[in-house]
Amino acid sequence: MTLSRAFTLIELLVVIAIIAILAAMLLPALAKAKQKAQGIQCMNDSGQMVKAWLMYSLDFQEKFPPNPNGTGAVDNLNQPSWVLGWLSWDANNTFNTNLYALVYDPDSVLGPYCAKNPGIYRCPSDNYTCAEGSQQLVRVRSRSMNGFIEGGAYSTSMSGDSTWYPGWHCYNKSSDMVIPSPVNLFVFVDEHADSINDGWLITTVGATQSMSPGVWTDLPASYHNCAGSFSFADGHAAMHKWRSGATCQPVRKFYGNGSWHDNNPVDFLWMIHHCSAPLVGAIQYND
């Protein structure tokens, strides 16, 4: 009598249990590896965008591309902007998925300097979808520009005084970047999905660089393990780790601007130190 060799039921269950244990050990590691890869890609894309911004300035006598807020970025009425469009969670908002307005429209002036590559405008970890007809699609953009980098967008810009926060610097050309220095002045930032709309992120400031507003008007994103992607005016990109848990808000798909409060000033102050400076009595921070 010949006996066939095979697993017993107990042996099979042991093998399955071992596979399940190995999977449980490996899956978190794979998820962390994917998250790390997305962070690297995000910084690379953000770095490409700020280099495009610098190339634009070289072609226009050191002047930066216009960065208007609000309806200026929606209608434009032949007013150029670094990017067109107003993102929202509204169903069938064509700007949510409109690649033409993002990089091909002649009034979206940064498009040609980005090689008309729409992929670098969106963080790879920003996979939140919106309704477009019968489909759920990711929106085309995660990045916004520092609202103090006005690029001559307003009639008041060329005075060097911020249109929105008089007494604070705005930046229209390369020679304006003194405080903060280019290595410390952020240009592009990933904006939280419930905050992003136009191409402009404003940091709320007070009378001095040490005053915390206590509320986010526009909230930076925290897609990378409670860290956000930034690119700076000297051309480098970096990931900044937020130190207050209240900055790392979940995405709820609602219009949340002005609703995020935090008594911890640490992240507010970091943003203030890297967005602009008072016209009088400014301190150069390197934090």
Foldseek 3Di string as FASTA:
>chain_A
DDDDDDDDPVRVVVVVVVVVVVCVVVVVVVVLVVLVVLVVVLQVLQLLLLVLQQVVCVVVVQFGFADDDDCCQEPVVVPAGCFHFWDAQDAQRCQQADLCRGAPPVSNPSNVSSVSDQQSQDRPLQFAFHHYPPDTHGGRHQKAFQQLQRQPSDPPQVVQARPVHGQWGRHTGDVSQDQQHQVQAWTMKGWDPLFGTGRYAYQDDDPFLPDAPQWGQTATELSRPQWIWTATNVSGIDIGHDDDPLSHDDDDRHNCGRPRGDPDRVVSSSCSSHRIGGPPPGDHDDD
